[in-house]
């Protein structure tokens, strides 16, 4: 078996200059598409950021279904109750933590 040289397209392949359809002038190089990709990325990033920001401003405090329990969990973690024993409860496995009264009553806030 002998090795055969295969033609390989290089990145420096010279393309013939394209002509503009309107005035017949030559375009020195094809348009770079990386600028379009960057523009599309920035536009999509901004659109998604605006949507997330609007959603967070439109949702009142404690209105999400699981937000009160997240407040209790975060308050317990800040106070050092990270690895507490699990106990079976009515709604599944739970942990008993001690938190201040304001955090324990977040489920009773109107929202």
Protein backbone atom coordinates (compact mmCIF):
# COMPACT_ATOMS: atom_id res chain seq x y z
CA UNK A 1 0.00 0.00 0.00
CA UNK A 2 1.42 3.37 -0.96
CA UNK A 3 0.70 6.75 0.51
CA UNK A 4 -1.17 9.09 -1.78
CA UNK A 5 -1.22 12.83 -1.52
CA UNK A 6 -4.73 14.19 -1.32
CA UNK A 7 -5.62 17.79 -2.16
CA UNK A 8 -6.41 19.80 0.96
CA UNK A 9 -8.18 23.14 0.97
CA UNK A 10 -6.24 25.64 2.98
CA UNK A 11 -7.65 28.56 4.92
CA UNK A 12 -5.71 30.97 2.75
CA UNK A 13 -7.57 30.02 -0.42
CA UNK A 14 -7.97 33.14 -2.55
CA UNK A 15 -11.51 33.80 -3.69
CA UNK A 16 -12.13 35.91 -6.76
CA UNK A 17 -13.48 39.34 -5.88
CA UNK A 18 -17.24 39.55 -6.08
CA UNK A 19 -19.00 42.20 -8.12
CA UNK A 20 -21.71 44.41 -6.76
CA UNK A 21 -24.92 44.08 -8.75
CA UNK A 22 -25.70 47.79 -8.61
CA UNK A 23 -22.64 49.66 -9.75
CA UNK A 24 -20.21 47.01 -11.04
CA UNK A 25 -17.52 47.86 -8.45
CA UNK A 26 -15.43 45.04 -7.11
CA UNK A 27 -15.69 44.05 -3.49
CA UNK A 28 -12.16 43.48 -2.16
CA UNK A 29 -13.17 40.70 0.26
CA UNK A 30 -16.27 38.73 1.17
CA UNK A 31 -18.17 40.00 4.21
CA UNK A 32 -16.92 38.65 7.52
CA UNK A 33 -19.67 36.67 9.26
CA UNK A 34 -18.11 36.84 12.75
CA UNK A 35 -19.57 40.34 13.18
CA UNK A 36 -23.04 39.00 12.43
CA UNK A 37 -22.58 36.16 14.91
CA UNK A 38 -21.46 38.56 17.63
CA UNK A 39 -24.40 40.87 16.93
CA UNK A 40 -26.85 37.94 17.10
CA UNK A 41 -25.32 36.71 20.36
CA UNK A 42 -25.43 40.16 21.99
CA UNK A 43 -29.00 40.70 20.79
CA UNK A 44 -30.16 37.29 22.12
CA UNK A 45 -28.31 37.80 25.42
CA UNK A 46 -29.94 41.21 25.92
CA UNK A 47 -33.40 39.91 24.98
CA UNK A 48 -33.17 37.01 27.42
CA UNK A 49 -31.79 39.30 30.14
CA UNK A 50 -34.66 41.73 29.69
CA UNK A 51 -37.19 38.89 29.83
CA UNK A 52 -35.68 37.48 33.03
CA UNK A 53 -35.54 40.94 34.59
CA UNK A 54 -39.17 41.62 33.73
CA UNK A 55 -40.21 38.26 35.15
CA UNK A 56 -38.40 38.89 38.43
CA UNK A 57 -39.90 42.37 38.78
CA UNK A 58 -43.40 41.12 37.97
CA UNK A 59 -43.34 38.29 40.55
CA UNK A 60 -44.13 39.61 44.06
CA UNK A 61 -42.12 38.46 47.08
CA UNK A 62 -43.08 35.02 48.38
CA UNK A 63 -45.37 34.44 45.38
CA UNK A 64 -43.42 31.52 43.95
CA UNK A 65 -44.70 28.17 45.28
CA UNK A 66 -41.45 27.12 46.96
CA UNK A 67 -39.99 30.49 47.95
CA UNK A 68 -40.94 30.37 51.67
CA UNK A 69 -39.11 27.06 52.17
CA UNK A 70 -36.06 28.46 50.35
CA UNK A 71 -36.02 31.39 52.81
CA UNK A 72 -36.13 28.96 55.75
CA UNK A 73 -33.36 26.80 54.24
CA UNK A 74 -31.14 29.80 53.50
CA UNK A 75 -31.66 31.18 57.01
CA UNK A 76 -30.73 27.81 58.52
CA UNK A 77 -27.59 27.53 56.40
CA UNK A 78 -26.46 31.05 57.34
CA UNK A 79 -26.81 30.08 61.00
CA UNK A 80 -24.69 26.93 60.56
CA UNK A 81 -27.40 24.26 60.31
CA UNK A 82 -26.05 22.64 57.18
CA UNK A 83 -26.08 18.88 57.82
CA UNK A 84 -29.10 18.17 60.02
CA UNK A 85 -30.68 14.71 60.37
CA UNK A 86 -33.57 13.85 58.04
CA UNK A 87 -36.92 12.72 59.44
CA UNK A 88 -39.95 11.24 57.70
CA UNK A 89 -42.88 13.65 57.61
CA UNK A 90 -46.34 14.08 56.07
CA UNK A 91 -44.97 15.50 52.83
CA UNK A 92 -41.83 13.36 52.58
CA UNK A 93 -38.44 13.52 54.21
CA UNK A 94 -37.92 16.73 56.19
CA UNK A 95 -35.33 18.31 58.45
CA UNK A 96 -36.02 20.10 61.70
CA UNK A 97 -34.10 23.39 61.92
CA UNK A 98 -34.25 26.35 64.27
CA UNK A 99 -34.68 29.71 62.59
CA UNK A 100 -35.85 33.14 63.80
CA UNK A 101 -39.57 33.78 63.96
CA UNK A 102 -39.57 36.10 60.92
CA UNK A 103 -38.13 33.33 58.76
CA UNK A 104 -40.42 30.63 60.13
CA UNK A 105 -43.51 32.70 59.30
CA UNK A 106 -42.63 33.50 55.69
CA UNK A 107 -45.25 30.98 54.52
CA UNK A 108 -47.93 33.07 56.22
CA UNK A 109 -47.04 36.29 54.36
CA UNK A 110 -49.66 37.50 51.93
CA UNK A 111 -48.62 37.05 48.37
